[in-house]
């Protein structure tokens, strides 16, 4: 089901404060079937709300619960807020090179998507480069140290009391940053936030309709960090099977990504055909890509999400682009 903007103003994170935006992204689930009068255990693994073994971090997968054996399946099996931390699981070797997106023409939008994804319209754009990964805690911290960025509004994440300043999460996406903070970082890095058109072309290429960055096959935890995989952010670049046609990683899932554009639900009907930059004014900005809370629908390359630019949340980050026409 498509996620509508601005329906909640609370945080999922420990230490949450009133007034920060929680972006509604929770997929619909069936009503729980209690295992007993006091234990709500939907997946039958003995863990759940009010159960003697304790709560479950994912009550829709019997292989995921506290004390489970960690296996290499891109999930947090043992509910410790980490995926694939077993010694037998190989961590990806991160490539610092940006991805190159050539000049090209593609069909932007989806006629079978939400109303604001219609109509499909032909867009041509100049070549540009893009961050291969979402901007990480370590990269953003360097900008803070240089005095060019302000710290994230919270240093925690959903399940981790310390996140931004914890070296274990240096290569995880920075979160709790607003649109202006994201824009300031990109300027510091010599780039800018991508337009919607640039983001979508980088995510799906120019060869025709492409539901997800990896193609049209169904979403799973090997391709994207979304609902049921980790329950929080994950290491950037872990899911090589989810790469876009140009090699950009995590363009589906992990964190929603700010773009440069203001939001107008009817903009596609009047969009310029060459390097569109979105409306000239507005109150909301557009995010793309879905996140760790999302259902599969939000991972689609054409999905648009609007939010107040001052919002910050544990499921929102960004990446930058360099060059191009903007």
C-alpha atoms as a PDB file:
ATOM      1  CA  UNK A   1       0.000   0.000   0.000  1.00  0.00           C
ATOM      2  CA  UNK A   2       1.284   3.435  -0.893  1.00  0.00           C
ATOM      3  CA  UNK A   3       2.537   5.513   2.012  1.00  0.00           C
ATOM      4  CA  UNK A   4       0.897   8.926   2.415  1.00  0.00           C
ATOM      5  CA  UNK A   5       2.961  11.847   3.756  1.00  0.00           C
ATOM      6  CA  UNK A   6       2.573  13.735   6.997  1.00  0.00           C
ATOM      7  CA  UNK A   7       0.325  11.305   8.859  1.00  0.00           C
ATOM      8  CA  UNK A   8       2.439  11.016  12.016  1.00  0.00           C
ATOM      9  CA  UNK A   9       4.780  13.194  14.058  1.00  0.00           C
ATOM     10  CA  UNK A  10       6.672  10.905  16.410  1.00  0.00           C
ATOM     11  CA  UNK A  11       9.940   8.995  16.339  1.00  0.00           C
ATOM     12  CA  UNK A  12      10.708   5.285  16.485  1.00  0.00           C
ATOM     13  CA  UNK A  13      14.086   5.936  18.091  1.00  0.00           C
ATOM     14  CA  UNK A  14      15.118   5.650  21.736  1.00  0.00           C
ATOM     15  CA  UNK A  15      15.211   9.119  23.198  1.00  0.00           C
ATOM     16  CA  UNK A  16      12.564  10.340  20.765  1.00  0.00           C
ATOM     17  CA  UNK A  17      11.286  13.901  21.105  1.00  0.00           C
ATOM     18  CA  UNK A  18       7.990  15.524  20.195  1.00  0.00           C
ATOM     19  CA  UNK A  19       7.987  17.493  16.960  1.00  0.00           C
ATOM     20  CA  UNK A  20      10.345  15.317  14.891  1.00  0.00           C
ATOM     21  CA  UNK A  21       8.783  13.565  11.944  1.00  0.00           C
ATOM     22  CA  UNK A  22       8.258   9.829  11.879  1.00  0.00           C
ATOM     23  CA  UNK A  23       7.630   8.910   8.263  1.00  0.00           C
ATOM     24  CA  UNK A  24       4.776   6.429   8.124  1.00  0.00           C
ATOM     25  CA  UNK A  25       6.052   3.355   6.396  1.00  0.00           C
ATOM     26  CA  UNK A  26       4.662   0.397   8.241  1.00  0.00           C
ATOM     27  CA  UNK A  27       3.192  -2.310   5.953  1.00  0.00           C
ATOM     28  CA  UNK A  28      -0.195  -3.767   6.784  1.00  0.00           C
ATOM     29  CA  UNK A  29      -0.181  -7.086   8.642  1.00  0.00           C
ATOM     30  CA  UNK A  30      -2.815  -9.575   9.632  1.00  0.00           C
ATOM     31  CA  UNK A  31      -4.406  -9.387  13.064  1.00  0.00           C
ATOM     32  CA  UNK A  32      -2.320 -11.338  15.607  1.00  0.00           C
ATOM     33  CA  UNK A  33      -3.456 -14.751  16.760  1.00  0.00           C
ATOM     34  CA  UNK A  34      -2.558 -15.194  20.434  1.00  0.00           C
ATOM     35  CA  UNK A  35      -0.776 -18.420  21.398  1.00  0.00           C
ATOM     36  CA  UNK A  36      -2.348 -18.106  24.825  1.00  0.00           C
ATOM     37  CA  UNK A  37      -4.439 -15.623  26.738  1.00  0.00           C
ATOM     38  CA  UNK A  38      -1.309 -13.607  27.632  1.00  0.00           C
ATOM     39  CA  UNK A  39       1.179 -14.421  24.861  1.00  0.00           C
ATOM     40  CA  UNK A  40       0.839 -12.872  21.398  1.00  0.00           C
ATOM     41  CA  UNK A  41       3.125 -14.991  19.198  1.00  0.00           C
ATOM     42  CA  UNK A  42       2.238 -14.643  15.526  1.00  0.00           C
ATOM     43  CA  UNK A  43       5.011 -16.827  14.107  1.00  0.00           C
ATOM     44  CA  UNK A  44       4.962 -19.639  16.676  1.00  0.00           C
ATOM     45  CA  UNK A  45       8.587 -19.358  17.814  1.00  0.00           C
ATOM     46  CA  UNK A  46       7.706 -18.831  21.477  1.00  0.00           C
ATOM     47  CA  UNK A  47       8.621 -15.145  21.502  1.00  0.00           C
ATOM     48  CA  UNK A  48       6.171 -12.273  21.398  1.00  0.00           C
ATOM     49  CA  UNK A  49       4.213  -9.731  23.373  1.00  0.00           C
ATOM     50  CA  UNK A  50       3.583 -11.054  26.876  1.00  0.00           C
ATOM     51  CA  UNK A  51       5.339 -14.380  26.202  1.00  0.00           C
ATOM     52  CA  UNK A  52       7.432 -16.105  28.860  1.00  0.00           C
ATOM     53  CA  UNK A  53      10.486 -16.233  26.588  1.00  0.00           C
ATOM     54  CA  UNK A  54      10.281 -12.512  26.022  1.00  0.00           C
ATOM     55  CA  UNK A  55       9.453 -10.161  23.106  1.00  0.00           C
ATOM     56  CA  UNK A  56      10.285 -10.833  19.474  1.00  0.00           C
ATOM     57  CA  UNK A  57      11.959  -8.352  17.128  1.00  0.00           C
ATOM     58  CA  UNK A  58      10.172  -9.873  14.123  1.00  0.00           C
ATOM     59  CA  UNK A  59       6.995 -11.777  14.918  1.00  0.00           C
ATOM     60  CA  UNK A  60       6.411 -12.747  11.275  1.00  0.00           C
ATOM     61  CA  UNK A  61       9.489 -14.982  10.862  1.00  0.00           C
ATOM     62  CA  UNK A  62       9.993 -18.007  13.143  1.00  0.00           C
ATOM     63  CA  UNK A  63      13.704 -18.025  12.309  1.00  0.00           C
ATOM     64  CA  UNK A  64      14.171 -14.590  13.863  1.00  0.00           C
ATOM     65  CA  UNK A  65      14.062 -14.193  17.646  1.00  0.00           C
ATOM     66  CA  UNK A  66      16.411 -13.486  20.574  1.00  0.00           C
ATOM     67  CA  UNK A  67      18.991 -16.260  20.874  1.00  0.00           C
ATOM     68  CA  UNK A  68      18.570 -17.550  17.318  1.00  0.00           C
ATOM     69  CA  UNK A  69      21.689 -18.622  15.437  1.00  0.00           C
ATOM     70  CA  UNK A  70      22.966 -15.836  13.180  1.00  0.00           C
ATOM     71  CA  UNK A  71      23.222 -17.017   9.578  1.00  0.00           C
ATOM     72  CA  UNK A  72      24.290 -15.226   6.400  1.00  0.00           C
ATOM     73  CA  UNK A  73      20.877 -14.239   5.063  1.00  0.00           C
ATOM     74  CA  UNK A  74      20.909 -10.412   5.226  1.00  0.00           C
ATOM     75  CA  UNK A  75      18.632 -10.490   8.283  1.00  0.00           C
ATOM     76  CA  UNK A  76      19.004  -9.794  11.992  1.00  0.00           C
ATOM     77  CA  UNK A  77      18.335 -13.376  13.108  1.00  0.00           C
ATOM     78  CA  UNK A  78      19.154 -12.963  16.796  1.00  0.00           C
ATOM     79  CA  UNK A  79      17.552  -9.555  17.428  1.00  0.00           C
ATOM     80  CA  UNK A  80      20.766  -7.704  18.281  1.00  0.00           C
ATOM     81  CA  UNK A  81      20.232  -4.960  15.659  1.00  0.00           C
ATOM     82  CA  UNK A  82      22.973  -6.363  13.413  1.00  0.00           C
ATOM     83  CA  UNK A  83      22.754  -8.401  10.227  1.00  0.00           C
ATOM     84  CA  UNK A  84      25.221 -11.084   9.157  1.00  0.00           C
ATOM     85  CA  UNK A  85      27.706 -10.385  11.951  1.00  0.00           C
ATOM     86  CA  UNK A  86      28.691 -14.070  12.192  1.00  0.00           C
ATOM     87  CA  UNK A  87      32.399 -14.659  11.359  1.00  0.00           C
ATOM     88  CA  UNK A  88      31.392 -16.782   8.380  1.00  0.00           C
ATOM     89  CA  UNK A  89      29.495 -13.885   6.761  1.00  0.00           C
ATOM     90  CA  UNK A  90      31.652 -11.845   4.396  1.00  0.00           C
ATOM     91  CA  UNK A  91      31.280  -8.075   4.677  1.00  0.00           C
ATOM     92  CA  UNK A  92      31.315  -6.163   1.388  1.00  0.00           C
ATOM     93  CA  UNK A  93      34.419  -4.276   0.341  1.00  0.00           C
ATOM     94  CA  UNK A  94      33.229  -0.735  -0.222  1.00  0.00           C
ATOM     95  CA  UNK A  95      34.201   1.013  -3.454  1.00  0.00           C
ATOM     96  CA  UNK A  96      34.779   4.746  -2.905  1.00  0.00           C
ATOM     97  CA  UNK A  97      34.363   5.598  -6.596  1.00  0.00           C
ATOM     98  CA  UNK A  98      31.200   7.406  -7.622  1.00  0.00           C
ATOM     99  CA  UNK A  99      28.930   5.810 -10.189  1.00  0.00           C
ATOM    100  CA  UNK A 100      28.727   7.401 -13.620  1.00  0.00           C
ATOM    101  CA  UNK A 101      25.243   7.936 -15.044  1.00  0.00           C
ATOM    102  CA  UNK A 102      25.478   8.713 -18.770  1.00  0.00           C
ATOM    103  CA  UNK A 103      23.259  11.150 -20.609  1.00  0.00           C
ATOM    104  CA  UNK A 104      20.048   9.454 -21.643  1.00  0.00           C
ATOM    105  CA  UNK A 105      16.304   9.413 -22.136  1.00  0.00           C
ATOM    106  CA  UNK A 106      13.832   7.368 -20.133  1.00  0.00           C
ATOM    107  CA  UNK A 107      10.169   7.072 -19.238  1.00  0.00           C
ATOM    108  CA  UNK A 108       9.698   8.713 -15.848  1.00  0.00           C
ATOM    109  CA  UNK A 109       6.819   7.582 -13.648  1.00  0.00           C
ATOM    110  CA  UNK A 110       4.489   4.593 -13.700  1.00  0.00           C
ATOM    111  CA  UNK A 111       0.985   4.354 -15.148  1.00  0.00           C
ATOM    112  CA  UNK A 112       0.202   1.526 -12.720  1.00  0.00           C
ATOM    113  CA  UNK A 113       1.520   3.434  -9.702  1.00  0.00           C
ATOM    114  CA  UNK A 114       0.083   6.036  -7.361  1.00  0.00           C
ATOM    115  CA  UNK A 115      -1.682   9.089  -8.826  1.00  0.00           C
ATOM    116  CA  UNK A 116       1.381  11.302  -8.357  1.00  0.00           C
ATOM    117  CA  UNK A 117       3.474   8.878 -10.437  1.00  0.00           C
ATOM    118  CA  UNK A 118       1.340   9.527 -13.526  1.00  0.00           C
ATOM    119  CA  UNK A 119       1.507  10.066 -16.393  1.00  0.00           C
ATOM    120  CA  UNK A 120       4.641   8.324 -17.644  1.00  0.00           C
ATOM    121  CA  UNK A 121       6.505  11.032 -19.545  1.00  0.00           C
ATOM    122  CA  UNK A 122       9.705  11.070 -21.554  1.00  0.00           C
ATOM    123  CA  UNK A 123      12.620  12.828 -19.884  1.00  0.00           C
ATOM    124  CA  UNK A 124      16.115  13.430 -21.225  1.00  0.00           C
ATOM    125  CA  UNK A 125      19.028  14.348 -19.015  1.00  0.00           C
ATOM    126  CA  UNK A 126      22.718  15.214 -19.013  1.00  0.00           C
ATOM    127  CA  UNK A 127      25.394  12.913 -17.650  1.00  0.00           C
ATOM    128  CA  UNK A 128      26.334  13.156 -13.976  1.00  0.00           C
ATOM    129  CA  UNK A 129      28.044  11.235 -11.189  1.00  0.00           C
ATOM    130  CA  UNK A 130      26.366   9.997  -8.022  1.00  0.00           C
ATOM    131  CA  UNK A 131      27.507   8.664  -4.663  1.00  0.00           C
ATOM    132  CA  UNK A 132      27.655   4.885  -4.910  1.00  0.00           C
ATOM    133  CA  UNK A 133      26.340   4.637  -1.354  1.00  0.00           C
ATOM    134  CA  UNK A 134      24.113   6.650   0.918  1.00  0.00           C
ATOM    135  CA  UNK A 135      26.151   9.209   2.860  1.00  0.00           C
ATOM    136  CA  UNK A 136      27.559   7.452   5.903  1.00  0.00           C
ATOM    137  CA  UNK A 137      28.050   8.481   9.513  1.00  0.00           C
ATOM    138  CA  UNK A 138      31.816   8.780   9.022  1.00  0.00           C
ATOM    139  CA  UNK A 139      31.524  10.999   5.951  1.00  0.00           C
ATOM    140  CA  UNK A 140      28.952  13.238   7.574  1.00  0.00           C
ATOM    141  CA  UNK A 141      31.034  13.422  10.772  1.00  0.00           C
ATOM    142  CA  UNK A 142      33.952  14.777   8.719  1.00  0.00           C
ATOM    143  CA  UNK A 143      31.694  17.603   7.549  1.00  0.00           C
ATOM    144  CA  UNK A 144      30.678  18.317  11.149  1.00  0.00           C
ATOM    145  CA  UNK A 145      34.342  18.387  12.193  1.00  0.00           C
ATOM    146  CA  UNK A 146      35.085  20.799   9.349  1.00  0.00           C
ATOM    147  CA  UNK A 147      32.393  23.143  10.641  1.00  0.00           C
ATOM    148  CA  UNK A 148      30.339  22.854   7.449  1.00  0.00           C
ATOM    149  CA  UNK A 149      27.560  20.625   8.821  1.00  0.00           C
ATOM    150  CA  UNK A 150      25.534  20.516  12.009  1.00  0.00           C
ATOM    151  CA  UNK A 151      25.239  17.209  13.902  1.00  0.00           C
ATOM    152  CA  UNK A 152      22.192  14.974  13.379  1.00  0.00           C
ATOM    153  CA  UNK A 153      19.295  15.866  15.664  1.00  0.00           C
ATOM    154  CA  UNK A 154      19.762  12.573  17.526  1.00  0.00           C
ATOM    155  CA  UNK A 155      22.858  10.378  17.768  1.00  0.00           C
ATOM    156  CA  UNK A 156      20.884   7.148  18.261  1.00  0.00           C
ATOM    157  CA  UNK A 157      19.039   4.931  15.796  1.00  0.00           C
ATOM    158  CA  UNK A 158      15.874   2.884  16.228  1.00  0.00           C
ATOM    159  CA  UNK A 159      17.538   0.061  18.179  1.00  0.00           C
ATOM    160  CA  UNK A 160      20.968   1.496  19.057  1.00  0.00           C
ATOM    161  CA  UNK A 161      21.359   4.062  21.876  1.00  0.00           C
ATOM    162  CA  UNK A 162      24.639   5.196  20.296  1.00  0.00           C
ATOM    163  CA  UNK A 163      24.875   5.231  16.524  1.00  0.00           C
ATOM    164  CA  UNK A 164      26.298   8.367  14.896  1.00  0.00           C
ATOM    165  CA  UNK A 165      29.359   8.468  17.171  1.00  0.00           C
ATOM    166  CA  UNK A 166      29.867   4.690  17.453  1.00  0.00           C
ATOM    167  CA  UNK A 167      32.732   3.445  15.264  1.00  0.00           C
ATOM    168  CA  UNK A 168      30.897   0.172  14.633  1.00  0.00           C
ATOM    169  CA  UNK A 169      28.394   2.111  12.530  1.00  0.00           C
ATOM    170  CA  UNK A 170      30.835   4.363  10.660  1.00  0.00           C
ATOM    171  CA  UNK A 171      29.767   2.877   7.317  1.00  0.00           C
ATOM    172  CA  UNK A 172      26.048   2.933   8.037  1.00  0.00           C
ATOM    173  CA  UNK A 173      23.858   5.713   6.615  1.00  0.00           C
ATOM    174  CA  UNK A 174      23.615   8.954   8.536  1.00  0.00           C
ATOM    175  CA  UNK A 175      20.061   9.593   9.771  1.00  0.00           C
ATOM    176  CA  UNK A 176      18.118  12.251  11.694  1.00  0.00           C
ATOM    177  CA  UNK A 177      19.137  14.908   9.149  1.00  0.00           C
ATOM    178  CA  UNK A 178      16.809  17.458   7.585  1.00  0.00           C
ATOM    179  CA  UNK A 179      16.719  18.539   3.940  1.00  0.00           C
ATOM    180  CA  UNK A 180      18.869  21.598   4.646  1.00  0.00           C
ATOM    181  CA  UNK A 181      21.451  19.500   6.509  1.00  0.00           C
ATOM    182  CA  UNK A 182      21.605  17.072   3.581  1.00  0.00           C
ATOM    183  CA  UNK A 183      21.962  19.938   1.129  1.00  0.00           C
ATOM    184  CA  UNK A 184      24.743  21.514   3.215  1.00  0.00           C
ATOM    185  CA  UNK A 185      26.699  18.265   3.231  1.00  0.00           C
ATOM    186  CA  UNK A 186      26.437  17.871  -0.537  1.00  0.00           C
ATOM    187  CA  UNK A 187      27.741  21.412  -0.980  1.00  0.00           C
ATOM    188  CA  UNK A 188      30.667  20.600   1.340  1.00  0.00           C
ATOM    189  CA  UNK A 189      31.386  17.479  -0.757  1.00  0.00           C
ATOM    190  CA  UNK A 190      31.373  19.469  -3.999  1.00  0.00           C
ATOM    191  CA  UNK A 191      27.991  18.272  -5.161  1.00  0.00           C
ATOM    192  CA  UNK A 192      24.281  18.778  -4.610  1.00  0.00           C
ATOM    193  CA  UNK A 193      21.145  16.792  -3.926  1.00  0.00           C
ATOM    194  CA  UNK A 194      19.801  14.974  -7.023  1.00  0.00           C
ATOM    195  CA  UNK A 195      16.675  16.088  -8.792  1.00  0.00           C
ATOM    196  CA  UNK A 196      13.864  13.550  -8.858  1.00  0.00           C
ATOM    197  CA  UNK A 197      14.555  12.894 -12.523  1.00  0.00           C
ATOM    198  CA  UNK A 198      18.249  12.252 -11.876  1.00  0.00           C
ATOM    199  CA  UNK A 199      17.495   9.986  -8.932  1.00  0.00           C
ATOM    200  CA  UNK A 200      14.983   7.917 -10.916  1.00  0.00           C
ATOM    201  CA  UNK A 201      17.241   7.586 -13.976  1.00  0.00           C
ATOM    202  CA  UNK A 202      20.122   6.457 -11.764  1.00  0.00           C
ATOM    203  CA  UNK A 203      17.826   3.919 -10.092  1.00  0.00           C
ATOM    204  CA  UNK A 204      16.316   2.307 -13.170  1.00  0.00           C
ATOM    205  CA  UNK A 205      18.358   3.238 -16.232  1.00  0.00           C
ATOM    206  CA  UNK A 206      17.015   3.922 -19.703  1.00  0.00           C
ATOM    207  CA  UNK A 207      16.203   0.454 -21.049  1.00  0.00           C
ATOM    208  CA  UNK A 208      12.492   0.502 -20.265  1.00  0.00           C
ATOM    209  CA  UNK A 209      10.225  -0.055 -17.234  1.00  0.00           C
ATOM    210  CA  UNK A 210      12.102  -1.342 -14.190  1.00  0.00           C
ATOM    211  CA  UNK A 211      10.122  -1.903 -10.991  1.00  0.00           C
ATOM    212  CA  UNK A 212      13.128  -1.976  -8.666  1.00  0.00           C
ATOM    213  CA  UNK A 213      16.778  -0.962  -9.113  1.00  0.00           C
ATOM    214  CA  UNK A 214      17.745  -4.599  -9.687  1.00  0.00           C
ATOM    215  CA  UNK A 215      14.939  -5.293 -12.159  1.00  0.00           C
ATOM    216  CA  UNK A 216      11.411  -6.656 -11.934  1.00  0.00           C
ATOM    217  CA  UNK A 217      11.986  -9.601  -9.607  1.00  0.00           C
ATOM    218  CA  UNK A 218      10.381  -9.561  -6.175  1.00  0.00           C
ATOM    219  CA  UNK A 219      12.034  -7.735  -3.296  1.00  0.00           C
ATOM    220  CA  UNK A 220      13.775  -9.785  -0.610  1.00  0.00           C
ATOM    221  CA  UNK A 221      16.400  -9.146   2.067  1.00  0.00           C
ATOM    222  CA  UNK A 222      19.276 -10.051  -0.270  1.00  0.00           C
ATOM    223  CA  UNK A 223      18.383  -7.045  -2.437  1.00  0.00           C
ATOM    224  CA  UNK A 224      17.074  -4.418  -0.016  1.00  0.00           C
ATOM    225  CA  UNK A 225      16.907  -3.669   3.693  1.00  0.00           C
ATOM    226  CA  UNK A 226      13.160  -3.271   4.168  1.00  0.00           C
ATOM    227  CA  UNK A 227      10.441  -4.461   6.519  1.00  0.00           C
ATOM    228  CA  UNK A 228      11.366  -7.735   8.214  1.00  0.00           C
ATOM    229  CA  UNK A 229      15.094  -7.691   7.423  1.00  0.00           C
ATOM    230  CA  UNK A 230      16.948  -5.784  10.146  1.00  0.00           C
ATOM    231  CA  UNK A 231      14.495  -3.439  11.864  1.00  0.00           C
ATOM    232  CA  UNK A 232      17.005  -0.596  11.619  1.00  0.00           C
ATOM    233  CA  UNK A 233      19.619   0.764   9.234  1.00  0.00           C
ATOM    234  CA  UNK A 234      22.288  -1.566   7.854  1.00  0.00           C
ATOM    235  CA  UNK A 235      25.808  -1.354   6.458  1.00  0.00           C
ATOM    236  CA  UNK A 236      25.795   0.434   3.104  1.00  0.00           C
ATOM    237  CA  UNK A 237      26.590  -1.740   0.102  1.00  0.00           C
ATOM    238  CA  UNK A 238      25.899  -5.048   1.829  1.00  0.00           C
ATOM    239  CA  UNK A 239      23.315  -6.113  -0.755  1.00  0.00           C
ATOM    240  CA  UNK A 240      25.162  -6.315  -4.060  1.00  0.00           C
ATOM    241  CA  UNK A 241      22.222  -8.093  -5.702  1.00  0.00           C
ATOM    242  CA  UNK A 242      20.186  -4.901  -5.273  1.00  0.00           C
ATOM    243  CA  UNK A 243      22.487  -2.621  -7.290  1.00  0.00           C
ATOM    244  CA  UNK A 244      21.049  -0.260  -9.889  1.00  0.00           C
ATOM    245  CA  UNK A 245      22.020  -0.590 -13.585  1.00  0.00           C
ATOM    246  CA  UNK A 246      24.910   1.832 -12.968  1.00  0.00           C
ATOM    247  CA  UNK A 247      26.103   0.220  -9.736  1.00  0.00           C
ATOM    248  CA  UNK A 248      24.465   2.519  -7.169  1.00  0.00           C
ATOM    249  CA  UNK A 249      23.740   0.599  -3.976  1.00  0.00           C
ATOM    250  CA  UNK A 250      20.774   0.709  -1.592  1.00  0.00           C
ATOM    251  CA  UNK A 251      18.603   2.840  -3.860  1.00  0.00           C
ATOM    252  CA  UNK A 252      15.785   0.660  -2.553  1.00  0.00           C
ATOM    253  CA  UNK A 253      15.471   0.377   1.214  1.00  0.00           C
ATOM    254  CA  UNK A 254      17.796   1.225   4.106  1.00  0.00           C
ATOM    255  CA  UNK A 255      16.817   4.932   4.292  1.00  0.00           C
ATOM    256  CA  UNK A 256      14.581   7.274   2.362  1.00  0.00           C
ATOM    257  CA  UNK A 257      16.732   9.734   0.402  1.00  0.00           C
ATOM    258  CA  UNK A 258      16.126  13.465   0.151  1.00  0.00           C
ATOM    259  CA  UNK A 259      16.051  14.946  -3.366  1.00  0.00           C
ATOM    260  CA  UNK A 260      16.373  18.570  -4.423  1.00  0.00           C
ATOM    261  CA  UNK A 261      12.811  18.944  -5.715  1.00  0.00           C
ATOM    262  CA  UNK A 262       9.749  20.511  -4.207  1.00  0.00           C
ATOM    263  CA  UNK A 263       6.710  18.250  -4.301  1.00  0.00           C
ATOM    264  CA  UNK A 264       3.768  18.783  -6.622  1.00  0.00           C
ATOM    265  CA  UNK A 265       1.482  15.742  -7.071  1.00  0.00           C
ATOM    266  CA  UNK A 266       0.496  16.932 -10.561  1.00  0.00           C
ATOM    267  CA  UNK A 267       3.920  18.006 -11.796  1.00  0.00           C
ATOM    268  CA  UNK A 268       4.386  15.087 -14.198  1.00  0.00           C
ATOM    269  CA  UNK A 269       1.593  16.390 -16.426  1.00  0.00           C
ATOM    270  CA  UNK A 270       3.531  19.616 -17.029  1.00  0.00           C
ATOM    271  CA  UNK A 271       7.133  18.561 -16.491  1.00  0.00           C
ATOM    272  CA  UNK A 272       9.775  19.830 -18.935  1.00  0.00           C
ATOM    273  CA  UNK A 273      11.234  17.102 -21.128  1.00  0.00           C
ATOM    274  CA  UNK A 274      14.880  18.111 -20.596  1.00  0.00           C
ATOM    275  CA  UNK A 275      16.528  17.956 -17.160  1.00  0.00           C
ATOM    276  CA  UNK A 276      13.430  18.877 -15.107  1.00  0.00           C
ATOM    277  CA  UNK A 277      14.149  20.418 -11.723  1.00  0.00           C
ATOM    278  CA  UNK A 278      10.696  20.169 -10.200  1.00  0.00           C
ATOM    279  CA  UNK A 279       8.425  23.053  -9.174  1.00  0.00           C
ATOM    280  CA  UNK A 280      10.072  26.403  -8.436  1.00  0.00           C
ATOM    281  CA  UNK A 281       8.348  26.710  -5.039  1.00  0.00           C
ATOM    282  CA  UNK A 282       6.523  24.563  -2.547  1.00  0.00           C
ATOM    283  CA  UNK A 283       6.187  23.538   1.095  1.00  0.00           C
ATOM    284  CA  UNK A 284       7.232  19.893   0.824  1.00  0.00           C
ATOM    285  CA  UNK A 285      10.318  18.194  -0.551  1.00  0.00           C
ATOM    286  CA  UNK A 286      10.472  14.780  -2.237  1.00  0.00           C
ATOM    287  CA  UNK A 287      12.194  11.674  -0.927  1.00  0.00           C
ATOM    288  CA  UNK A 288      12.837   8.493  -2.877  1.00  0.00           C
ATOM    289  CA  UNK A 289      13.762   4.846  -2.384  1.00  0.00           C
ATOM    290  CA  UNK A 290      11.895   3.490   0.635  1.00  0.00           C
ATOM    291  CA  UNK A 291      13.583   2.463   3.879  1.00  0.00           C
ATOM    292  CA  UNK A 292      14.065  -0.234   6.507  1.00  0.00           C
ATOM    293  CA  UNK A 293      10.441   0.145   7.660  1.00  0.00           C
ATOM    294  CA  UNK A 294       8.957   0.056   4.147  1.00  0.00           C
ATOM    295  CA  UNK A 295       6.865  -2.549   2.433  1.00  0.00           C
ATOM    296  CA  UNK A 296       7.914  -3.557  -1.077  1.00  0.00           C
ATOM    297  CA  UNK A 297       5.667  -0.968  -2.737  1.00  0.00           C
ATOM    298  CA  UNK A 298       7.788   1.909  -1.427  1.00  0.00           C
ATOM    299  CA  UNK A 299      10.950   0.338  -2.878  1.00  0.00           C
ATOM    300  CA  UNK A 300       9.774   0.890  -6.444  1.00  0.00           C
ATOM    301  CA  UNK A 301      11.951   3.186  -8.567  1.00  0.00           C
ATOM    302  CA  UNK A 302       8.959   5.452  -9.261  1.00  0.00           C
ATOM    303  CA  UNK A 303       7.630   5.842  -5.708  1.00  0.00           C
ATOM    304  CA  UNK A 304       7.521   9.441  -4.458  1.00  0.00           C
ATOM    305  CA  UNK A 305       7.235  10.554  -0.835  1.00  0.00           C
ATOM    306  CA  UNK A 306       6.676  14.144   0.262  1.00  0.00           C
ATOM    307  CA  UNK A 307       7.702  15.571   3.623  1.00  0.00           C
ATOM    308  CA  UNK A 308       8.359  18.876   5.341  1.00  0.00           C
ATOM    309  CA  UNK A 309      12.000  19.833   4.720  1.00  0.00           C
ATOM    310  CA  UNK A 310      12.631  20.440   8.423  1.00  0.00           C
ATOM    311  CA  UNK A 311      11.678  16.842   9.221  1.00  0.00           C
ATOM    312  CA  UNK A 312      14.238  14.374  10.503  1.00  0.00           C
ATOM    313  CA  UNK A 313      13.728  10.734  11.401  1.00  0.00           C
ATOM    314  CA  UNK A 314      15.520   7.401  11.959  1.00  0.00           C
ATOM    315  CA  UNK A 315      14.634   6.201   8.458  1.00  0.00           C
ATOM    316  CA  UNK A 316      15.774   9.197   6.373  1.00  0.00           C
ATOM    317  CA  UNK A 317      19.180   9.921   4.819  1.00  0.00           C
ATOM    318  CA  UNK A 318      20.511  11.023   1.419  1.00  0.00           C
ATOM    319  CA  UNK A 319      23.195  10.806  -1.256  1.00  0.00           C
ATOM    320  CA  UNK A 320      24.692  13.461  -3.549  1.00  0.00           C
ATOM    321  CA  UNK A 321      25.260  13.976  -7.267  1.00  0.00           C
ATOM    322  CA  UNK A 322      28.051  15.842  -9.054  1.00  0.00           C
ATOM    323  CA  UNK A 323      27.969  17.641 -12.393  1.00  0.00           C
ATOM    324  CA  UNK A 324      24.953  17.344 -14.666  1.00  0.00           C
ATOM    325  CA  UNK A 325      22.726  20.141 -15.874  1.00  0.00           C
ATOM    326  CA  UNK A 326      21.457  21.540 -12.559  1.00  0.00           C
END
